[in-house]
Protein backbone atom coordinates (compact mmCIF):
# COMPACT_ATOMS: atom_id res chain seq x y z
CA MET A 1 82.38 83.04 129.66
CA LYS A 2 80.52 79.88 130.54
CA ILE A 3 78.54 77.87 127.99
CA VAL A 4 75.18 76.58 129.20
CA TRP A 5 73.21 74.07 127.13
CA THR A 6 69.44 74.42 127.51
CA LYS A 7 67.23 71.38 127.88
CA SER A 8 66.01 71.90 124.29
CA ALA A 9 69.54 71.97 122.90
CA LYS A 10 70.50 68.81 124.81
CA GLU A 11 67.36 67.09 123.50
CA ASP A 12 68.24 68.18 119.96
CA LEU A 13 71.63 66.46 120.24
CA ALA A 14 70.10 63.33 121.79
CA ASN A 15 67.48 63.15 119.03
CA TYR A 16 70.15 63.55 116.37
CA ARG A 17 72.23 60.84 118.02
CA ASN A 18 69.24 58.46 117.95
CA GLU A 19 68.00 59.27 114.44
CA SER A 20 71.24 59.87 112.54
CA LYS A 21 72.31 57.61 109.74
CA ILE A 22 75.91 58.84 109.63
CA LEU A 23 78.47 56.24 110.62
CA ASP A 24 80.28 57.97 113.46
CA VAL A 25 77.57 60.15 114.98
CA GLU A 26 79.36 60.30 118.36
CA LYS A 27 82.47 61.78 116.76
CA TYR A 28 80.35 64.30 114.81
CA ILE A 29 78.56 65.45 117.99
CA GLU A 30 81.85 65.64 119.89
CA LYS A 31 83.33 67.89 117.19
CA LEU A 32 80.16 70.02 117.13
CA ILE A 33 80.48 70.54 120.90
CA ASP A 34 84.19 71.37 120.51
CA TYR A 35 83.24 73.94 117.88
CA VAL A 36 80.64 75.47 120.18
CA ASP A 37 83.28 75.66 122.93
CA GLU A 38 85.06 78.28 120.78
CA LEU A 39 82.29 80.67 121.90
CA GLU A 40 83.88 80.83 125.36
CA SER A 41 86.65 83.01 123.99
CA HIS A 42 84.72 84.46 121.02
CA PRO A 43 81.06 84.82 122.12
CA ARG A 44 80.07 86.93 119.12
CA LEU A 45 81.57 84.51 116.60
CA GLY A 46 78.12 83.59 115.26
CA LYS A 47 76.07 85.75 112.95
CA LYS A 48 73.33 87.91 114.50
CA LEU A 49 69.93 86.69 113.27
CA PHE A 50 67.26 88.67 115.12
CA ASN A 51 66.16 89.98 118.53
CA ILE A 52 63.47 88.65 120.83
CA ARG A 53 62.71 90.94 123.76
CA ASP A 54 66.11 92.60 123.75
CA LYS A 55 67.83 89.21 123.46
CA GLU A 56 70.11 88.98 120.47
CA ILE A 57 69.77 85.55 118.85
CA ARG A 58 72.97 84.50 117.14
CA GLN A 59 73.72 81.56 114.84
CA LEU A 60 76.79 79.41 114.56
CA ILE A 61 76.90 76.84 111.77
CA TYR A 62 78.72 73.56 112.09
CA LYS A 63 78.54 71.41 108.95
CA MET A 64 74.88 70.23 108.86
CA HIS A 65 73.66 72.08 111.97
CA LYS A 66 72.70 75.55 113.06
CA ILE A 67 73.40 76.33 116.68
CA LEU A 68 71.28 79.22 117.95
CA TYR A 69 72.40 80.97 121.10
CA ILE A 70 72.28 84.15 123.16
CA VAL A 71 74.97 85.91 125.15
CA GLU A 72 73.81 87.25 128.48
CA ASP A 73 75.95 88.48 131.36
CA GLU A 74 78.81 86.01 131.73
CA LYS A 75 77.16 83.05 130.01
CA ILE A 76 76.34 81.81 126.56
CA MET A 77 73.01 79.99 126.37
CA ILE A 78 72.82 77.37 123.61
CA LEU A 79 69.11 77.42 122.73
CA VAL A 80 68.69 74.88 119.94
CA VAL A 81 70.74 72.74 117.57
CA VAL A 82 68.88 72.19 114.31
CA HIS A 83 69.63 70.61 110.97
CA VAL A 84 70.26 73.21 108.27
CA HIS A 85 67.22 72.03 106.30
CA ARG A 86 64.75 72.58 109.16
CA ASP A 87 62.17 75.31 108.68
CA MET A 88 63.53 78.41 110.43
CA ASN A 89 60.03 79.89 110.80
CA PHE A 90 59.13 76.99 113.08
CA ILE A 91 62.35 77.48 115.06
CA VAL A 92 61.76 81.22 115.46
CA LYS A 93 58.22 80.57 116.66
CA PHE A 94 59.52 77.99 119.16
CA LEU A 95 62.20 80.38 120.48
CA LYS A 96 59.73 83.24 120.86
CA GLN A 97 57.47 80.98 122.88
CA GLN A 98 60.38 79.80 125.07
CA LEU A 99 61.93 83.23 125.62
CA LEU A 100 58.68 85.09 126.24
CA ASN A 101 57.58 82.75 129.06
């Protein structure tokens, strides 16, 4: 399977890179991406959260971040990468808006 990062997910990583106060943010992001790469061989590794229009939203957690994704056909779409303390209601609303358009 191929992993595809959406524009939103890429922006999430860029924003974290710019705003983070951890010392080695580049290494953290690199390891997060390596962890996400595990989905290529185990696409259902993450926990199922909910469905939006027959799309199963799954969640993978890496340290301080939730990675939300869907599996469709032969690809895994990384939708968003959010800090664990972010309001999930806002994230769900955002995803519904993105996936319904």
